[in-house]
Amino acid sequence: MTTILSIIDTLSEENKREFVSYLQKKNRRGDSKNIKLFKLINSGKTKNLDTALYGKPSRNAYHALCKRLQDNLIDFIAAKSFSEETGDEMEILKLLLAARIFFEHKKNKIAFKTLAKTERIALSLDGYAILNEIYHTKIQYAHLNASIVLPELFQTSEQNMKYAQQERQLNMAYASIKNKLKEAKKKPINDLITEAFSDFDIEVSKTLTYKSLFQLMNIMTTAAKLQSNYFTISDSMDTLYGIVSEKQKVIKRDKHLFYHIEILNLMAVTHFRNKNFPASISFSEKMETEMQKKNNAYFNRFLEKLTIIKALNENYTGKSTVAIETLKSFPKESFDVDLSLMMSLFQQNRFQEAYSILKSMHHSDTWYEKKMGWLFVLKKAIIEILLLIELDRLDLVLSRLNSFKNKFSIRLKTSGEKRVLTFIKLVTLYYEKPEEVTSQKFKEKVESSFDWIGKEREDIFVMSFYAWLKSKMENTGLYDTTLRLAN
């Protein structure tokens, strides 16, 4: 049951409708209960399902049905992914298989011609792993082609092996950095990357594949997000994007489109978090242009990310109304969009609207952490406390503050992120004695607690939370205060 729920959770509403149609076509018997079981689970019912299906307890039949439904779900997702795969990777595999079949039937001329085409496509994609298979086949049948110079082929194959090994080492470095991010001792991002590259003998160069470049940029931004510190990765991200730009000049048009869109989004987010709004807007515009290529092949897939980064840039460049409309126009359910919308409404003093969105989030924090990550739950908890204060729900504020400390204190201290705890401590002081917020004593306490505020390197989201306190101290508008700090 848990597995089935997890699989269903990955499906969109459209996918769910397609899956029901898939079962209808597959069912040979009119009394099949797999569709009914799927609909029951999808509606949230998980207890006494055997009785609901068979009219009486029937555990054995029910478990067998669950097993078949799970298998059908896996088959459906695999088949759908395969049918939607439009990339050249599938073409390479088909061509390689065809070439090998031609060799087996002694159709050597067409076999070498097909193999040459396969190699050209794989080279344009930096497909080092599949190129190993191509060169293995080429060497195996080299004796049938007098034009092949074996020493050159061996050298080419050996060089490709080095590239493939480099990709493998980068993958291990990626896993190593991800693991170290979980450790209690907090290290600077650049130190983590430098150590991992040294351990696995990796050199940043133009030989890195698009996928490898994306992986490296992704792990850097992941670490920066966890540490709320995008400033330290800024130069490295620009260097890596320089390699991407050079690759774009020499590769076939629209190759690596998926990874290119991902990379553009990472660059847009990095520049936004560093408050370089013009650069962030420029990258988001490039991202949108790429999303429209290949008949909008990846448009829906990246629409959520594009919507959020566009709205954030709009919001922090004084276009709050446009930002709110951008977020509201997103056509699907999205918790990240909802969180951004709550923040934007909050900054406009539209507290009741923001709180309505918060109340619509019915799942537990454990569920949201598994689905969205720990930082999502943390931000959601902070916004809830601030909303309750603004709405004068003081009966709930104390319980939420205590709950926050119990739930997050140890984890925040372990990760070395004390700024959040400092902020919550000051919020507690404000809650207990709001009349003292404009006093010189309170101002001095706040300013001394946040001595890093005002520096260009400070993360924009960290500054946004501080802006709430500053607006209370100075009796100024929250949005104006936020813009003043951000700009």
Protein backbone atom coordinates (compact mmCIF):
# COMPACT_ATOMS: atom_id res chain seq x y z
CA MET A 1 0.00 0.00 0.00
CA THR A 2 2.79 2.43 0.93
CA THR A 3 4.54 1.74 -2.38
CA ILE A 4 1.35 2.27 -4.37
CA LEU A 5 0.68 5.55 -2.57
CA SER A 6 4.23 6.70 -3.31
CA ILE A 7 3.86 5.85 -7.01
CA ILE A 8 0.47 7.56 -7.32
CA ASP A 9 1.97 10.62 -5.66
CA THR A 10 4.30 11.02 -8.67
CA LEU A 11 1.41 11.22 -11.14
CA SER A 12 -0.26 14.40 -12.28
CA GLU A 13 -4.06 14.53 -12.59
CA GLU A 14 -3.69 14.07 -16.34
CA ASN A 15 -1.43 11.06 -15.81
CA LYS A 16 -4.00 9.54 -13.46
CA ARG A 17 -6.72 9.84 -16.10
CA GLU A 18 -4.39 8.27 -18.65
CA PHE A 19 -3.63 5.42 -16.26
CA VAL A 20 -7.34 4.65 -15.81
CA SER A 21 -7.68 4.53 -19.63
CA TYR A 22 -4.60 2.30 -19.72
CA LEU A 23 -6.25 -0.14 -17.28
CA GLN A 24 -9.54 -0.08 -19.18
CA LYS A 25 -7.78 -1.12 -22.38
CA LYS A 26 -5.76 -3.77 -20.55
CA ASN A 27 -8.61 -5.34 -18.58
CA ARG A 28 -10.02 -8.43 -20.26
CA ARG A 29 -12.69 -9.09 -17.66
CA GLY A 30 -15.56 -6.72 -17.05
CA ASP A 31 -15.46 -7.31 -13.30
CA SER A 32 -11.81 -6.30 -12.79
CA LYS A 33 -11.44 -4.31 -9.59
CA ASN A 34 -8.08 -2.65 -10.25
CA ILE A 35 -9.65 0.63 -11.40
CA LYS A 36 -11.89 0.76 -8.35
CA LEU A 37 -8.92 0.08 -6.07
CA PHE A 38 -6.89 2.81 -7.77
CA LYS A 39 -9.68 5.35 -7.37
CA LEU A 40 -10.20 4.45 -3.72
CA ILE A 41 -6.51 4.85 -2.89
CA ASN A 42 -6.27 8.05 -4.93
CA SER A 43 -9.22 9.51 -2.99
CA GLY A 44 -7.35 8.93 0.27
CA LYS A 45 -9.07 5.77 1.48
CA THR A 46 -6.61 3.21 2.82
CA LYS A 47 -8.55 1.19 5.43
CA ASN A 48 -10.80 -1.87 4.99
CA LEU A 49 -10.35 -1.73 1.24
CA ASP A 50 -10.90 -5.47 0.86
CA THR A 51 -14.40 -5.11 2.28
CA ALA A 52 -15.07 -2.08 0.06
CA LEU A 53 -13.98 -4.07 -3.00
CA TYR A 54 -15.41 -7.53 -2.32
CA GLY A 55 -18.24 -6.83 0.12
CA LYS A 56 -16.51 -8.87 2.82
CA PRO A 57 -13.00 -9.31 4.30
CA SER A 58 -10.79 -10.96 1.71
CA ARG A 59 -7.15 -10.23 2.49
CA ASN A 60 -5.55 -12.71 0.10
CA ALA A 61 -7.48 -11.50 -2.94
CA TYR A 62 -6.87 -7.90 -1.88
CA HIS A 63 -3.08 -8.33 -1.56
CA ALA A 64 -2.93 -10.06 -4.96
CA LEU A 65 -4.89 -7.18 -6.49
CA CYS A 66 -2.54 -4.63 -4.87
CA LYS A 67 0.45 -6.46 -6.34
CA ARG A 68 -1.09 -6.37 -9.84
CA LEU A 69 -2.00 -2.68 -9.49
CA GLN A 70 1.55 -1.85 -8.40
CA ASP A 71 2.99 -3.75 -11.38
CA ASN A 72 0.59 -1.97 -13.73
CA LEU A 73 1.57 1.42 -12.32
CA ILE A 74 5.26 0.68 -12.83
CA ASP A 75 4.63 -0.61 -16.38
CA PHE A 76 2.54 2.47 -17.21
CA ILE A 77 5.18 4.93 -15.97
CA ALA A 78 7.97 3.06 -17.77
CA ALA A 79 6.00 2.85 -21.03
CA LYS A 80 4.99 6.51 -20.86
CA SER A 81 8.57 7.63 -20.18
CA PHE A 82 9.83 5.50 -23.07
CA SER A 83 7.20 6.82 -25.50
CA GLU A 84 7.92 10.43 -24.51
CA GLU A 85 11.69 10.06 -24.82
CA THR A 86 12.47 12.20 -27.85
CA GLY A 87 16.19 12.64 -27.20
CA ASP A 88 18.99 11.39 -29.39
CA GLU A 89 20.05 8.88 -26.72
CA MET A 90 17.33 6.48 -27.87
CA GLU A 91 18.36 6.93 -31.49
CA ILE A 92 21.96 6.08 -30.60
CA LEU A 93 20.94 2.84 -28.90
CA LYS A 94 18.74 1.84 -31.84
CA LEU A 95 21.47 2.60 -34.38
CA LEU A 96 24.10 0.72 -32.38
CA LEU A 97 21.85 -2.32 -32.12
CA ALA A 98 21.10 -2.11 -35.86
CA ALA A 99 24.82 -1.91 -36.69
CA ARG A 100 25.55 -5.02 -34.61
CA ILE A 101 22.74 -6.92 -36.33
CA PHE A 102 24.15 -5.91 -39.75
CA PHE A 103 27.57 -7.21 -38.70
CA GLU A 104 26.06 -10.51 -37.59
CA HIS A 105 24.44 -10.87 -41.02
CA LYS A 106 27.73 -9.89 -42.73
CA LYS A 107 26.30 -6.66 -44.17
CA ASN A 108 29.55 -4.94 -43.36
CA LYS A 109 29.25 -1.83 -45.55
CA ILE A 110 25.90 -0.71 -44.14
CA ALA A 111 27.06 -1.79 -40.64
CA PHE A 112 30.08 0.55 -40.70
CA LYS A 113 28.00 3.33 -42.21
CA THR A 114 25.41 2.97 -39.42
CA LEU A 115 28.14 2.77 -36.79
CA ALA A 116 29.74 5.99 -38.12
CA LYS A 117 26.39 7.79 -37.85
CA THR A 118 25.97 6.46 -34.30
CA GLU A 119 29.42 7.74 -33.36
CA ARG A 120 28.74 11.24 -34.77
CA ILE A 121 25.55 11.59 -32.73
CA ALA A 122 27.16 10.25 -29.56
CA LEU A 123 30.12 12.62 -29.93
CA SER A 124 27.79 15.62 -30.31
CA LEU A 125 26.11 14.61 -27.03
CA ASP A 126 29.33 13.89 -25.12
CA GLY A 127 27.94 10.41 -24.62
CA TYR A 128 31.13 8.86 -23.30
CA ALA A 129 29.49 5.76 -21.83
CA ILE A 130 27.72 4.77 -25.05
CA LEU A 131 30.82 5.73 -27.06
CA ASN A 132 32.68 3.01 -25.16
CA GLU A 133 30.21 0.49 -26.58
CA ILE A 134 30.53 2.02 -30.05
CA TYR A 135 34.34 1.83 -30.02
CA HIS A 136 34.19 -1.69 -28.60
CA THR A 137 32.06 -2.71 -31.60
CA LYS A 138 34.28 -0.81 -34.04
CA ILE A 139 37.42 -2.51 -32.72
CA GLN A 140 35.73 -5.92 -32.79
CA TYR A 141 35.00 -5.61 -36.51
CA ALA A 142 37.94 -3.39 -37.52
CA HIS A 143 39.55 -6.27 -39.46
CA LEU A 144 36.67 -6.03 -41.96
CA ASN A 145 37.47 -2.42 -42.93
CA ALA A 146 40.86 -1.70 -44.48
CA SER A 147 40.43 2.10 -44.08
CA ILE A 148 40.49 1.87 -40.27
CA VAL A 149 43.88 2.75 -38.74
CA LEU A 150 44.00 0.64 -35.59
CA PRO A 151 46.50 2.74 -33.57
CA GLU A 152 44.32 5.83 -34.12
CA LEU A 153 41.18 3.91 -33.16
CA PHE A 154 42.88 2.57 -30.03
CA GLN A 155 44.02 6.08 -29.08
CA THR A 156 40.52 7.50 -29.63
CA SER A 157 39.02 4.71 -27.55
CA GLU A 158 41.54 5.25 -24.74
CA GLN A 159 40.86 9.01 -24.66
CA ASN A 160 37.13 8.36 -24.50
CA MET A 161 37.71 5.96 -21.60
CA LYS A 162 39.44 8.80 -19.74
CA TYR A 163 36.47 11.08 -20.34
CA ALA A 164 34.08 8.36 -19.17
CA GLN A 165 36.21 7.81 -16.07
CA GLN A 166 36.17 11.54 -15.38
CA GLU A 167 32.38 11.52 -15.60
CA ARG A 168 32.27 8.56 -13.21
CA GLN A 169 34.60 10.34 -10.77
CA LEU A 170 32.47 13.49 -10.91
CA ASN A 171 29.42 11.39 -10.13
CA MET A 172 31.20 10.00 -7.07
CA ALA A 173 32.27 13.51 -6.05
CA TYR A 174 28.66 14.63 -6.39
CA ALA A 175 27.55 11.83 -4.05
CA SER A 176 30.39 12.60 -1.62
CA ILE A 177 29.49 16.31 -1.40
CA LYS A 178 25.80 15.50 -0.91
CA ASN A 179 26.73 13.18 1.94
CA LYS A 180 29.04 15.74 3.60
CA LEU A 181 26.27 18.32 3.53
CA LYS A 182 24.42 16.12 6.02
CA GLU A 183 27.31 16.12 8.49
CA ALA A 184 27.12 18.15 11.68
CA LYS A 185 30.28 20.14 11.03
CA LYS A 186 29.47 22.90 8.60
CA LYS A 187 32.15 23.59 6.00
CA PRO A 188 32.25 26.38 3.41
CA ILE A 189 30.84 25.29 0.05
CA ASN A 190 34.03 25.92 -1.90
CA ASP A 191 36.03 23.85 0.61
CA LEU A 192 33.63 20.91 0.17
CA ILE A 193 33.97 21.06 -3.60
CA THR A 194 37.76 21.51 -3.52
CA GLU A 195 38.18 18.51 -1.20
CA ALA A 196 35.91 16.30 -3.30
CA PHE A 197 37.67 17.26 -6.52
CA SER A 198 41.02 16.52 -4.92
CA ASP A 199 39.82 13.16 -3.57
CA PHE A 200 38.55 12.04 -6.97
CA ASP A 201 41.19 13.77 -9.11
CA ILE A 202 38.75 15.95 -11.03
CA GLU A 203 39.69 18.97 -13.11
CA VAL A 204 37.16 21.54 -14.30
CA SER A 205 37.62 21.73 -18.06
CA LYS A 206 35.72 21.82 -21.32
CA THR A 207 35.80 18.00 -21.42
CA LEU A 208 33.05 17.91 -18.79
CA THR A 209 29.75 16.81 -20.30
CA TYR A 210 26.59 18.89 -20.15
CA LYS A 211 25.21 16.47 -17.58
CA SER A 212 28.41 16.73 -15.52
CA LEU A 213 28.35 20.52 -15.66
CA PHE A 214 24.74 20.52 -14.55
CA GLN A 215 25.48 18.09 -11.71
CA LEU A 216 28.33 20.25 -10.48
CA MET A 217 26.29 23.46 -10.67
CA ASN A 218 23.35 21.73 -9.03
CA ILE A 219 25.34 20.50 -6.05
CA MET A 220 26.87 23.96 -5.61
CA THR A 221 23.45 25.62 -5.53
CA THR A 222 22.08 22.87 -3.26
CA ALA A 223 24.85 23.56 -0.75
CA ALA A 224 24.35 27.32 -1.11
CA LYS A 225 20.62 26.91 -0.51
CA LEU A 226 21.16 24.87 2.65
CA GLN A 227 23.66 27.42 3.97
CA SER A 228 21.78 30.50 2.64
CA ASN A 229 25.03 31.58 1.06
CA TYR A 230 25.02 32.00 -2.72
CA PHE A 231 27.73 34.65 -2.69
CA THR A 232 30.60 32.17 -2.30
CA ILE A 233 29.58 30.14 -5.35
CA SER A 234 29.00 33.13 -7.64
CA ASP A 235 32.42 33.14 -9.34
CA SER A 236 32.49 29.35 -9.72
CA MET A 237 29.02 29.35 -11.28
CA ASP A 238 30.10 32.01 -13.78
CA THR A 239 33.20 29.97 -14.66
CA LEU A 240 31.15 26.84 -15.26
CA TYR A 241 28.60 28.72 -17.31
CA GLY A 242 31.47 30.03 -19.42
CA ILE A 243 32.28 26.40 -20.32
CA VAL A 244 28.61 25.84 -21.17
CA SER A 245 28.60 28.89 -23.42
CA GLU A 246 31.70 27.65 -25.27
CA LYS A 247 30.08 24.26 -25.80
CA GLN A 248 26.96 25.96 -27.18
CA LYS A 249 29.06 27.49 -29.98
CA VAL A 250 30.30 24.17 -31.35
CA ILE A 251 27.54 21.64 -30.72
CA LYS A 252 24.53 20.91 -32.91
CA ARG A 253 21.60 23.27 -32.42
CA ASP A 254 19.32 22.42 -29.48
CA LYS A 255 21.47 19.55 -28.24
CA HIS A 256 21.38 19.03 -24.47
CA LEU A 257 18.25 21.19 -24.35
CA PHE A 258 17.03 19.68 -21.07
CA TYR A 259 20.31 20.29 -19.23
CA HIS A 260 20.72 23.71 -20.82
CA ILE A 261 17.33 24.82 -19.44
CA GLU A 262 18.25 23.42 -16.01
CA ILE A 263 21.55 25.31 -16.06
CA LEU A 264 19.89 28.59 -17.09
CA ASN A 265 17.47 28.22 -14.18
CA LEU A 266 20.31 27.60 -11.72
CA MET A 267 22.08 30.72 -13.00
CA ALA A 268 18.89 32.78 -12.71
CA VAL A 269 18.32 31.60 -9.13
CA THR A 270 21.95 32.20 -8.11
CA HIS A 271 21.94 35.78 -9.40
CA PHE A 272 18.55 36.43 -7.79
CA ARG A 273 19.71 35.19 -4.39
CA ASN A 274 22.74 37.48 -4.76
CA LYS A 275 20.38 40.39 -5.57
CA ASN A 276 21.71 40.79 -9.12
CA PHE A 277 18.24 41.20 -10.59
CA PRO A 278 19.18 42.28 -14.16
CA ALA A 279 21.35 39.18 -14.61
CA SER A 280 18.68 36.94 -13.09
CA ILE A 281 16.00 38.38 -15.37
CA SER A 282 18.28 37.91 -18.39
CA PHE A 283 18.86 34.23 -17.56
CA SER A 284 15.15 33.62 -16.94
CA GLU A 285 14.37 35.14 -20.36
CA LYS A 286 16.94 32.85 -21.97
CA MET A 287 15.39 29.96 -20.08
CA GLU A 288 11.92 30.78 -21.42
CA THR A 289 13.27 30.98 -24.98
CA GLU A 290 14.87 27.54 -24.67
CA MET A 291 11.67 26.11 -23.20
CA GLN A 292 9.82 27.04 -26.40
CA LYS A 293 12.19 25.06 -28.62
CA LYS A 294 11.40 21.64 -30.06
CA ASN A 295 7.68 22.51 -30.12
CA ASN A 296 7.62 23.34 -26.40
CA ALA A 297 8.94 19.87 -25.57
CA TYR A 298 10.06 20.94 -22.08
CA PHE A 299 7.77 23.92 -21.54
CA ASN A 300 5.34 22.34 -19.08
CA ARG A 301 8.15 20.55 -17.31
CA PHE A 302 9.92 23.80 -16.41
CA LEU A 303 6.93 26.14 -16.18
CA GLU A 304 6.85 25.97 -12.36
CA LYS A 305 10.51 26.98 -12.02
CA LEU A 306 10.13 29.74 -14.60
CA THR A 307 7.00 31.09 -12.93
CA ILE A 308 8.69 31.29 -9.53
CA ILE A 309 11.91 32.96 -10.67
CA LYS A 310 10.00 35.47 -12.83
CA ALA A 311 7.66 36.34 -9.94
CA LEU A 312 10.53 36.69 -7.47
CA ASN A 313 12.38 39.09 -9.74
CA GLU A 314 9.18 41.07 -10.30
CA ASN A 315 8.46 41.21 -6.59
CA TYR A 316 11.92 42.43 -5.61
CA THR A 317 12.10 45.06 -8.35
CA GLY A 318 8.97 46.85 -7.17
CA LYS A 319 6.40 45.04 -9.32
CA SER A 320 4.55 43.25 -6.52
CA THR A 321 1.14 43.32 -8.25
CA VAL A 322 2.60 41.72 -11.38
CA ALA A 323 4.43 39.14 -9.24
CA ILE A 324 1.26 38.11 -7.42
CA GLU A 325 -0.65 37.75 -10.70
CA THR A 326 2.21 35.71 -12.18
CA LEU A 327 2.06 33.28 -9.26
CA LYS A 328 -1.75 33.12 -9.26
CA SER A 329 -1.76 32.34 -12.98
CA PHE A 330 0.23 29.11 -12.53
CA PRO A 331 -2.23 26.46 -13.78
CA LYS A 332 -1.32 23.54 -11.53
CA GLU A 333 -1.00 22.76 -7.84
CA SER A 334 2.42 23.75 -6.55
CA PHE A 335 3.55 24.09 -2.94
CA ASP A 336 6.60 26.14 -3.98
CA VAL A 337 4.37 28.55 -5.89
CA ASP A 338 2.04 28.75 -2.89
CA LEU A 339 4.95 29.53 -0.56
CA SER A 340 6.18 32.32 -2.85
CA LEU A 341 2.64 33.67 -3.16
CA MET A 342 2.24 33.67 0.64
CA MET A 343 5.46 35.64 1.00
CA SER A 344 4.42 38.17 -1.66
CA LEU A 345 0.97 38.67 -0.11
CA PHE A 346 2.51 38.97 3.35
CA GLN A 347 4.81 41.76 2.18
CA GLN A 348 1.73 43.62 0.89
CA ASN A 349 -0.03 43.30 4.26
CA ARG A 350 -2.60 40.97 2.68
CA PHE A 351 -2.32 38.73 5.72
CA GLN A 352 -5.72 37.05 5.55
CA GLU A 353 -5.19 35.96 1.93
CA ALA A 354 -1.76 34.56 2.81
CA TYR A 355 -3.17 32.77 5.84
CA SER A 356 -5.90 31.19 3.69
CA ILE A 357 -3.21 29.58 1.54
CA LEU A 358 -1.43 28.35 4.66
CA LYS A 359 -4.61 26.78 6.03
CA SER A 360 -5.10 24.92 2.74
CA MET A 361 -1.87 22.99 3.41
CA HIS A 362 -3.42 20.07 5.27
CA HIS A 363 -0.54 17.59 5.30
CA SER A 364 1.82 17.02 8.21
CA ASP A 365 5.29 18.58 8.38
CA THR A 366 6.75 15.09 7.99
CA TRP A 367 4.85 14.68 4.72
CA TYR A 368 5.97 18.10 3.45
CA GLU A 369 9.58 17.39 4.38
CA LYS A 370 9.58 14.16 2.37
CA LYS A 371 7.85 15.86 -0.55
CA MET A 372 9.45 19.33 -0.54
CA GLY A 373 12.48 19.20 1.74
CA TRP A 374 13.35 20.52 5.18
CA LEU A 375 13.87 24.14 4.13
CA PHE A 376 10.31 24.32 2.81
CA VAL A 377 8.96 23.22 6.20
CA LEU A 378 11.24 25.71 7.99
CA LYS A 379 10.11 28.68 5.86
CA LYS A 380 6.48 27.63 6.16
CA ALA A 381 6.79 27.55 9.97
CA ILE A 382 8.39 31.01 10.12
CA ILE A 383 5.76 32.57 7.85
CA GLU A 384 3.00 30.99 9.94
CA ILE A 385 4.37 32.60 13.14
CA LEU A 386 4.63 36.03 11.50
CA LEU A 387 1.13 35.75 10.01
CA LEU A 388 -0.39 34.82 13.37
CA ILE A 389 1.28 37.84 14.98
CA GLU A 390 -0.01 40.17 12.26
CA LEU A 391 -3.51 38.70 12.50
CA ASP A 392 -3.51 39.13 16.29
CA ARG A 393 -3.93 35.41 16.82
CA LEU A 394 -1.80 35.72 19.91
CA ASP A 395 -3.45 32.64 21.45
CA LEU A 396 -1.68 30.55 18.81
CA VAL A 397 1.62 32.42 18.58
CA LEU A 398 3.15 31.08 21.80
CA SER A 399 2.32 27.47 20.95
CA ARG A 400 3.83 27.90 17.45
CA LEU A 401 6.97 29.51 18.90
CA ASN A 402 7.42 26.66 21.37
CA SER A 403 6.71 24.11 18.66
CA PHE A 404 9.28 25.79 16.38
CA LYS A 405 12.00 25.67 19.04
CA ASN A 406 11.28 22.03 19.88
CA LYS A 407 11.18 20.98 16.24
CA PHE A 408 14.03 22.96 14.71
CA SER A 409 16.50 24.08 17.41
CA ILE A 410 18.70 21.00 17.51
CA ARG A 411 18.78 20.66 13.75
CA LEU A 412 19.60 24.33 13.20
CA LYS A 413 22.36 24.27 15.82
CA THR A 414 23.78 21.06 14.34
CA SER A 415 23.89 22.57 10.88
CA GLY A 416 25.50 25.74 12.24
CA GLU A 417 22.60 27.93 11.14
CA LYS A 418 22.11 30.10 14.22
CA ARG A 419 20.70 33.13 12.43
CA VAL A 420 17.23 31.58 12.25
CA LEU A 421 17.24 30.89 15.98
CA THR A 422 18.41 34.45 16.64
CA PHE A 423 15.56 35.76 14.51
CA ILE A 424 12.96 33.60 16.31
CA LYS A 425 14.35 34.75 19.67
CA LEU A 426 13.86 38.38 18.64
CA VAL A 427 10.37 37.60 17.31
CA THR A 428 9.58 36.11 20.72
CA LEU A 429 10.78 39.30 22.42
CA TYR A 430 8.57 41.34 20.11
CA TYR A 431 5.60 39.06 20.84
CA GLU A 432 6.09 39.38 24.59
CA LYS A 433 6.69 43.16 24.65
CA PRO A 434 5.57 44.74 21.35
CA GLU A 435 5.58 48.21 22.89
CA GLU A 436 9.38 48.07 23.24
CA VAL A 437 10.06 47.37 19.59
CA THR A 438 10.78 51.03 18.81
CA SER A 439 13.00 51.52 21.85
CA GLN A 440 16.70 52.18 21.43
CA LYS A 441 17.48 49.15 23.58
CA PHE A 442 15.56 46.81 21.25
CA LYS A 443 17.11 48.38 18.16
CA GLU A 444 20.60 47.93 19.56
CA LYS A 445 19.86 44.31 20.42
CA VAL A 446 18.59 43.61 16.92
CA GLU A 447 21.43 45.41 15.16
CA SER A 448 24.06 43.64 17.26
CA SER A 449 22.42 40.30 16.63
CA PHE A 450 22.47 40.85 12.87
CA ASP A 451 25.82 42.54 12.36
CA TRP A 452 26.06 40.89 8.93
CA ILE A 453 23.02 42.72 7.59
CA GLY A 454 23.70 45.27 4.88
CA LYS A 455 26.63 43.45 3.38
CA GLU A 456 26.31 42.84 -0.35
CA ARG A 457 26.97 39.16 0.12
CA GLU A 458 23.93 38.55 2.32
CA ASP A 459 21.24 36.23 0.97
CA ILE A 460 18.06 37.97 -0.14
CA PHE A 461 15.69 35.64 1.73
CA VAL A 462 17.61 36.07 4.99
CA MET A 463 17.37 39.85 4.53
CA SER A 464 13.64 39.58 3.82
CA PHE A 465 12.92 38.06 7.23
CA TYR A 466 15.09 40.71 8.89
CA ALA A 467 13.12 43.37 6.99
CA TRP A 468 10.01 42.45 8.99
CA LEU A 469 11.78 43.26 12.27
CA LYS A 470 13.32 46.40 10.84
CA SER A 471 9.93 47.65 9.63
CA LYS A 472 8.55 47.21 13.15
CA MET A 473 11.49 49.06 14.70
CA GLU A 474 11.30 51.97 12.27
CA ASN A 475 7.51 51.94 11.88
CA THR A 476 7.87 51.72 8.08
CA GLY A 477 6.06 49.65 5.47
CA LEU A 478 7.26 46.06 5.19
CA TYR A 479 7.51 45.98 1.39
CA ASP A 480 9.33 49.32 1.18
CA THR A 481 11.73 48.21 3.89
CA THR A 482 12.34 44.92 2.07
CA LEU A 483 13.07 46.67 -1.22
CA ARG A 484 15.37 49.15 0.49
CA LEU A 485 17.42 46.32 2.01
CA ALA A 486 17.39 44.20 -1.15
CA ASN A 487 18.51 47.04 -3.38
